[in-house]
C-alpha atoms as a PDB file:
ATOM      1  CA  MET A   1      41.513 -27.835 -56.703  1.00  0.00           C
ATOM      2  CA  TYR A   2      45.070 -26.544 -56.721  1.00  0.00           C
ATOM      3  CA  VAL A   3      47.442 -27.210 -59.580  1.00  0.00           C
ATOM      4  CA  PHE A   4      51.145 -27.401 -58.726  1.00  0.00           C
ATOM      5  CA  GLU A   5      53.950 -26.972 -61.204  1.00  0.00           C
ATOM      6  CA  ARG A   6      56.909 -28.644 -59.537  1.00  0.00           C
ATOM      7  CA  LEU A   7      60.436 -27.678 -60.525  1.00  0.00           C
ATOM      8  CA  GLU A   8      63.792 -29.117 -59.570  1.00  0.00           C
ATOM      9  CA  GLY A   9      64.714 -28.275 -55.963  1.00  0.00           C
ATOM     10  CA  ILE A  10      61.325 -27.290 -54.549  1.00  0.00           C
ATOM     11  CA  LYS A  11      61.212 -30.373 -52.332  1.00  0.00           C
ATOM     12  CA  GLU A  12      64.572 -29.432 -50.786  1.00  0.00           C
ATOM     13  CA  LYS A  13      63.372 -25.874 -50.206  1.00  0.00           C
ATOM     14  CA  ARG A  14      60.289 -27.148 -48.370  1.00  0.00           C
ATOM     15  CA  THR A  15      62.314 -29.186 -45.931  1.00  0.00           C
ATOM     16  CA  ASN A  16      64.866 -26.457 -45.266  1.00  0.00           C
ATOM     17  CA  LYS A  17      63.861 -22.816 -45.610  1.00  0.00           C
ATOM     18  CA  MET A  18      60.881 -22.347 -47.854  1.00  0.00           C
ATOM     19  CA  LYS A  19      60.638 -18.805 -49.194  1.00  0.00           C
ATOM     20  CA  LEU A  20      57.504 -17.737 -51.054  1.00  0.00           C
ATOM     21  CA  HIS A  21      57.104 -14.954 -53.590  1.00  0.00           C
ATOM     22  CA  LEU A  22      53.342 -14.368 -53.709  1.00  0.00           C
ATOM     23  CA  GLY A  23      51.848 -12.780 -56.816  1.00  0.00           C
ATOM     24  CA  CYS A  24      55.156 -12.983 -58.659  1.00  0.00           C
ATOM     25  CA  GLY A  25      53.848 -11.820 -62.037  1.00  0.00           C
ATOM     26  CA  GLU A  26      56.759 -11.338 -64.440  1.00  0.00           C
ATOM     27  CA  ASP A  27      59.204 -10.816 -61.520  1.00  0.00           C
ATOM     28  CA  TYR A  28      60.550 -14.379 -61.137  1.00  0.00           C
ATOM     29  CA  LEU A  29      62.935 -14.511 -58.148  1.00  0.00           C
ATOM     30  CA  GLU A  30      65.646 -17.159 -57.808  1.00  0.00           C
ATOM     31  CA  GLY A  31      65.690 -18.918 -54.428  1.00  0.00           C
ATOM     32  CA  TYR A  32      61.936 -18.432 -53.948  1.00  0.00           C
ATOM     33  CA  ILE A  33      58.908 -20.527 -54.773  1.00  0.00           C
ATOM     34  CA  ASN A  34      57.233 -18.090 -57.172  1.00  0.00           C
ATOM     35  CA  CYS A  35      53.440 -18.258 -56.892  1.00  0.00           C
ATOM     36  CA  ASP A  36      50.757 -16.641 -59.018  1.00  0.00           C
ATOM     37  CA  PHE A  37      47.147 -17.012 -60.137  1.00  0.00           C
ATOM     38  CA  ASP A  38      47.858 -16.150 -63.792  1.00  0.00           C
ATOM     39  CA  GLU A  39      48.117 -19.290 -65.937  1.00  0.00           C
ATOM     40  CA  THR A  40      50.214 -17.586 -68.634  1.00  0.00           C
ATOM     41  CA  ILE A  41      53.309 -16.577 -66.644  1.00  0.00           C
ATOM     42  CA  ARG A  42      56.367 -18.483 -65.438  1.00  0.00           C
ATOM     43  CA  LYS A  43      55.905 -19.663 -61.850  1.00  0.00           C
ATOM     44  CA  ASN A  44      56.596 -22.636 -59.590  1.00  0.00           C
ATOM     45  CA  MET A  45      53.113 -22.879 -58.080  1.00  0.00           C
ATOM     46  CA  PHE A  46      49.589 -21.875 -59.064  1.00  0.00           C
ATOM     47  CA  LEU A  47      48.092 -20.202 -56.006  1.00  0.00           C
ATOM     48  CA  ASP A  48      44.743 -18.499 -55.414  1.00  0.00           C
ATOM     49  CA  LEU A  49      45.236 -16.196 -52.409  1.00  0.00           C
ATOM     50  CA  GLU A  50      41.456 -15.957 -51.880  1.00  0.00           C
ATOM     51  CA  LYS A  51      41.398 -19.650 -50.844  1.00  0.00           C
ATOM     52  CA  PRO A  52      43.147 -21.605 -48.057  1.00  0.00           C
ATOM     53  CA  LEU A  53      46.824 -22.139 -48.826  1.00  0.00           C
ATOM     54  CA  PRO A  54      47.813 -25.729 -49.726  1.00  0.00           C
ATOM     55  CA  LEU A  55      50.858 -25.619 -47.442  1.00  0.00           C
ATOM     56  CA  GLU A  56      51.724 -27.322 -44.175  1.00  0.00           C
ATOM     57  CA  ASP A  57      51.638 -25.463 -40.862  1.00  0.00           C
ATOM     58  CA  ASN A  58      54.961 -23.842 -39.863  1.00  0.00           C
ATOM     59  CA  SER A  59      56.592 -24.634 -43.218  1.00  0.00           C
ATOM     60  CA  VAL A  60      57.516 -21.152 -44.529  1.00  0.00           C
ATOM     61  CA  SER A  61      60.452 -19.026 -43.344  1.00  0.00           C
ATOM     62  CA  HIS A  62      60.013 -15.912 -45.522  1.00  0.00           C
ATOM     63  CA  ILE A  63      57.278 -14.351 -47.688  1.00  0.00           C
ATOM     64  CA  TYR A  64      57.753 -11.518 -50.170  1.00  0.00           C
ATOM     65  CA  THR A  65      54.994  -9.840 -52.132  1.00  0.00           C
ATOM     66  CA  LYS A  66      54.827  -6.655 -54.149  1.00  0.00           C
ATOM     67  CA  ASN A  67      51.697  -5.053 -55.612  1.00  0.00           C
ATOM     68  CA  THR A  68      49.535  -8.104 -54.912  1.00  0.00           C
ATOM     69  CA  PHE A  69      47.620  -7.700 -51.649  1.00  0.00           C
ATOM     70  CA  GLU A  70      45.614  -4.681 -52.833  1.00  0.00           C
ATOM     71  CA  HIS A  71      43.873  -7.132 -55.222  1.00  0.00           C
ATOM     72  CA  ILE A  72      42.604  -9.310 -52.347  1.00  0.00           C
ATOM     73  CA  LYS A  73      38.925  -8.759 -51.505  1.00  0.00           C
ATOM     74  CA  ASN A  74      39.139  -9.977 -47.896  1.00  0.00           C
ATOM     75  CA  ILE A  75      42.639  -9.663 -46.436  1.00  0.00           C
ATOM     76  CA  ILE A  76      41.956 -11.037 -42.924  1.00  0.00           C
ATOM     77  CA  PRO A  77      41.532 -14.732 -43.930  1.00  0.00           C
ATOM     78  CA  LEU A  78      44.693 -14.484 -46.057  1.00  0.00           C
ATOM     79  CA  MET A  79      46.710 -13.009 -43.189  1.00  0.00           C
ATOM     80  CA  LYS A  80      45.483 -15.792 -40.882  1.00  0.00           C
ATOM     81  CA  GLU A  81      46.583 -18.357 -43.478  1.00  0.00           C
ATOM     82  CA  LEU A  82      50.013 -16.735 -43.769  1.00  0.00           C
ATOM     83  CA  HIS A  83      50.346 -16.854 -39.988  1.00  0.00           C
ATOM     84  CA  ARG A  84      49.410 -20.545 -40.037  1.00  0.00           C
ATOM     85  CA  VAL A  85      51.960 -21.568 -42.682  1.00  0.00           C
ATOM     86  CA  CYS A  86      54.833 -19.422 -41.365  1.00  0.00           C
ATOM     87  CA  LYS A  87      57.301 -20.514 -38.714  1.00  0.00           C
ATOM     88  CA  ASN A  88      57.748 -18.465 -35.545  1.00  0.00           C
ATOM     89  CA  GLY A  89      60.020 -15.541 -36.365  1.00  0.00           C
ATOM     90  CA  SER A  90      59.366 -15.679 -40.121  1.00  0.00           C
ATOM     91  CA  ILE A  91      59.311 -12.356 -41.964  1.00  0.00           C
ATOM     92  CA  ILE A  92      56.471 -11.327 -44.257  1.00  0.00           C
ATOM     93  CA  ASN A  93      57.523  -8.431 -46.501  1.00  0.00           C
ATOM     94  CA  ILE A  94      54.491  -6.725 -48.075  1.00  0.00           C
ATOM     95  CA  ARG A  95      54.774  -3.815 -50.505  1.00  0.00           C
ATOM     96  CA  VAL A  96      51.525  -2.247 -51.733  1.00  0.00           C
ATOM     97  CA  PRO A  97      50.189   1.071 -53.046  1.00  0.00           C
ATOM     98  CA  PHE A  98      49.500   3.623 -50.313  1.00  0.00           C
ATOM     99  CA  TYR A  99      45.777   4.263 -49.760  1.00  0.00           C
ATOM    100  CA  SER A 100      45.806   7.823 -51.177  1.00  0.00           C
ATOM    101  CA  SER A 101      48.172   7.190 -54.095  1.00  0.00           C
ATOM    102  CA  TYR A 102      47.240   7.363 -57.753  1.00  0.00           C
ATOM    103  CA  ALA A 103      48.418   3.724 -58.030  1.00  0.00           C
ATOM    104  CA  PHE A 104      45.684   2.571 -55.640  1.00  0.00           C
ATOM    105  CA  LEU A 105      42.892   4.878 -56.787  1.00  0.00           C
ATOM    106  CA  GLY A 106      43.156   4.127 -60.522  1.00  0.00           C
ATOM    107  CA  PRO A 107      42.545   0.415 -61.206  1.00  0.00           C
ATOM    108  CA  LEU A 108      39.094  -1.056 -60.555  1.00  0.00           C
ATOM    109  CA  ASP A 109      40.564  -4.339 -59.275  1.00  0.00           C
ATOM    110  CA  HIS A 110      42.126  -2.716 -56.189  1.00  0.00           C
ATOM    111  CA  TYR A 111      40.000  -3.705 -53.199  1.00  0.00           C
ATOM    112  CA  THR A 112      42.109  -3.348 -50.053  1.00  0.00           C
ATOM    113  CA  ARG A 113      43.627  -0.047 -48.889  1.00  0.00           C
ATOM    114  CA  PHE A 114      46.785   0.105 -46.777  1.00  0.00           C
ATOM    115  CA  SER A 115      48.062   2.688 -44.304  1.00  0.00           C
ATOM    116  CA  PRO A 116      50.456   2.639 -41.324  1.00  0.00           C
ATOM    117  CA  MET A 117      47.524   1.552 -39.166  1.00  0.00           C
ATOM    118  CA  SER A 118      46.450  -1.410 -41.329  1.00  0.00           C
ATOM    119  CA  PHE A 119      48.158  -4.081 -39.225  1.00  0.00           C
ATOM    120  CA  ASN A 120      47.643  -2.450 -35.824  1.00  0.00           C
ATOM    121  CA  LYS A 121      44.148  -3.884 -35.423  1.00  0.00           C
ATOM    122  CA  TYR A 122      43.477  -6.274 -32.551  1.00  0.00           C
ATOM    123  CA  ILE A 123      43.212  -9.131 -35.061  1.00  0.00           C
ATOM    124  CA  PHE A 124      46.867  -8.785 -36.050  1.00  0.00           C
ATOM    125  CA  LYS A 125      48.491  -7.670 -32.779  1.00  0.00           C
ATOM    126  CA  GLU A 126      48.764 -11.220 -31.460  1.00  0.00           C
ATOM    127  CA  MET A 127      50.040 -12.634 -34.762  1.00  0.00           C
ATOM    128  CA  PHE A 128      52.679 -10.105 -35.854  1.00  0.00           C
ATOM    129  CA  LYS A 129      55.259  -7.656 -34.629  1.00  0.00           C
ATOM    130  CA  VAL A 130      54.739  -4.734 -36.995  1.00  0.00           C
ATOM    131  CA  ASN A 131      57.349  -2.466 -38.529  1.00  0.00           C
ATOM    132  CA  PHE A 132      56.557  -0.324 -41.523  1.00  0.00           C
ATOM    133  CA  LYS A 133      58.102   2.144 -43.911  1.00  0.00           C
ATOM    134  CA  ILE A 134      56.329   4.693 -46.038  1.00  0.00           C
ATOM    135  CA  LYS A 135      58.145   5.508 -49.230  1.00  0.00           C
ATOM    136  CA  PHE A 136      57.346   8.671 -51.096  1.00  0.00           C
ATOM    137  CA  PHE A 137      58.368   8.987 -54.741  1.00  0.00           C
ATOM    138  CA  ILE A 138      58.177  11.965 -57.093  1.00  0.00           C
ATOM    139  CA  GLU A 139      58.586  11.224 -60.798  1.00  0.00           C
ATOM    140  CA  GLU A 140      60.227  14.503 -61.865  1.00  0.00           C
ATOM    141  CA  LYS A 141      63.825  15.162 -60.955  1.00  0.00           C
ATOM    142  CA  GLY A 142      65.398  18.322 -59.650  1.00  0.00           C
ATOM    143  CA  ILE A 143      67.004  19.717 -56.521  1.00  0.00           C
ATOM    144  CA  PHE A 144      63.800  21.196 -55.122  1.00  0.00           C
ATOM    145  CA  LEU A 145      61.695  18.073 -55.716  1.00  0.00           C
ATOM    146  CA  ASN A 146      64.391  15.829 -54.247  1.00  0.00           C
ATOM    147  CA  LEU A 147      64.364  18.032 -51.143  1.00  0.00           C
ATOM    148  CA  ILE A 148      60.565  17.709 -50.877  1.00  0.00           C
ATOM    149  CA  ASN A 149      60.891  13.951 -51.340  1.00  0.00           C
ATOM    150  CA  LYS A 150      63.425  13.665 -48.496  1.00  0.00           C
ATOM    151  CA  CYS A 151      61.380  15.880 -46.158  1.00  0.00           C
ATOM    152  CA  VAL A 152      58.099  14.058 -46.761  1.00  0.00           C
ATOM    153  CA  ASN A 153      59.782  10.664 -46.478  1.00  0.00           C
ATOM    154  CA  PHE A 154      61.316  11.698 -43.138  1.00  0.00           C
ATOM    155  CA  ILE A 155      58.002  13.048 -41.793  1.00  0.00           C
ATOM    156  CA  SER A 156      55.960  10.073 -43.011  1.00  0.00           C
ATOM    157  CA  ASN A 157      58.294   7.552 -41.395  1.00  0.00           C
ATOM    158  CA  LYS A 158      58.957   9.492 -38.176  1.00  0.00           C
ATOM    159  CA  TYR A 159      55.357  10.690 -37.612  1.00  0.00           C
ATOM    160  CA  PRO A 160      53.097   8.334 -39.601  1.00  0.00           C
ATOM    161  CA  TYR A 161      49.839   9.289 -37.864  1.00  0.00           C
ATOM    162  CA  PHE A 162      50.469  13.009 -38.411  1.00  0.00           C
ATOM    163  CA  TYR A 163      51.383  12.301 -42.023  1.00  0.00           C
ATOM    164  CA  CYS A 164      48.141  10.372 -42.610  1.00  0.00           C
ATOM    165  CA  ARG A 165      45.949  13.006 -40.955  1.00  0.00           C
ATOM    166  CA  ALA A 166      47.593  16.143 -42.373  1.00  0.00           C
ATOM    167  CA  LEU A 167      49.652  15.402 -45.502  1.00  0.00           C
ATOM    168  CA  ALA A 168      48.684  12.094 -47.126  1.00  0.00           C
ATOM    169  CA  ASN A 169      45.999  13.607 -49.364  1.00  0.00           C
ATOM    170  CA  ILE A 170      48.148  16.605 -50.305  1.00  0.00           C
ATOM    171  CA  LEU A 171      51.481  14.795 -50.796  1.00  0.00           C
ATOM    172  CA  PRO A 172      50.493  11.138 -51.137  1.00  0.00           C
ATOM    173  CA  SER A 173      53.069   8.385 -50.892  1.00  0.00           C
ATOM    174  CA  SER A 174      53.040   5.984 -53.773  1.00  0.00           C
ATOM    175  CA  GLU A 175      53.736   2.831 -51.753  1.00  0.00           C
ATOM    176  CA  ILE A 176      53.898   1.505 -48.224  1.00  0.00           C
ATOM    177  CA  GLU A 177      56.068  -1.418 -47.177  1.00  0.00           C
ATOM    178  CA  TYR A 178      55.555  -3.639 -44.129  1.00  0.00           C
ATOM    179  CA  PHE A 179      57.925  -6.050 -42.449  1.00  0.00           C
ATOM    180  CA  LEU A 180      55.804  -8.355 -40.287  1.00  0.00           C
ATOM    181  CA  GLU A 181      57.502 -10.800 -37.947  1.00  0.00           C
ATOM    182  CA  VAL A 182      55.368 -13.853 -37.187  1.00  0.00           C
ATOM    183  CA  VAL A 183      54.757 -14.452 -33.476  1.00  0.00           C
ATOM    184  CA  LYS A 184      53.536 -17.871 -32.295  1.00  0.00           C
END
């Protein structure tokens, strides 16, 4: 059973342009319905992304999530649910660790890997128009490392398949970001 924590203004957001922030954690965003599974954090709605979403069809206009979807054991049912609740033309912005990054490989609760090809499968082609960005970050600063960062970022975004086959394990990106447009 789902538990909802209703705050002032959520009803108005549902009738107009409902924007969801899935897996909000400590990053509470104004103007969004902040959803999370953790009982101890500030949120507008308790939401278990492994279960069907308690939302009406075609009720959501925008979804944002950061560092959440890698924790989902089976991503396909969730993506089908997001497609169901989103309006035609809605944007789903997903930011997750890249499959070869230290951020993905470390924690034991990371189940789903993401690459530029993740949403190109036949299952998703009919549901979403896919655009993606690969962002490459290097922690140290310096002229030479900034140059490497810019070169790898350019190559990974311009030639993502080459990057994945030739460079991703040598110079791994830390995150990948998708902008999915819902098609109905």
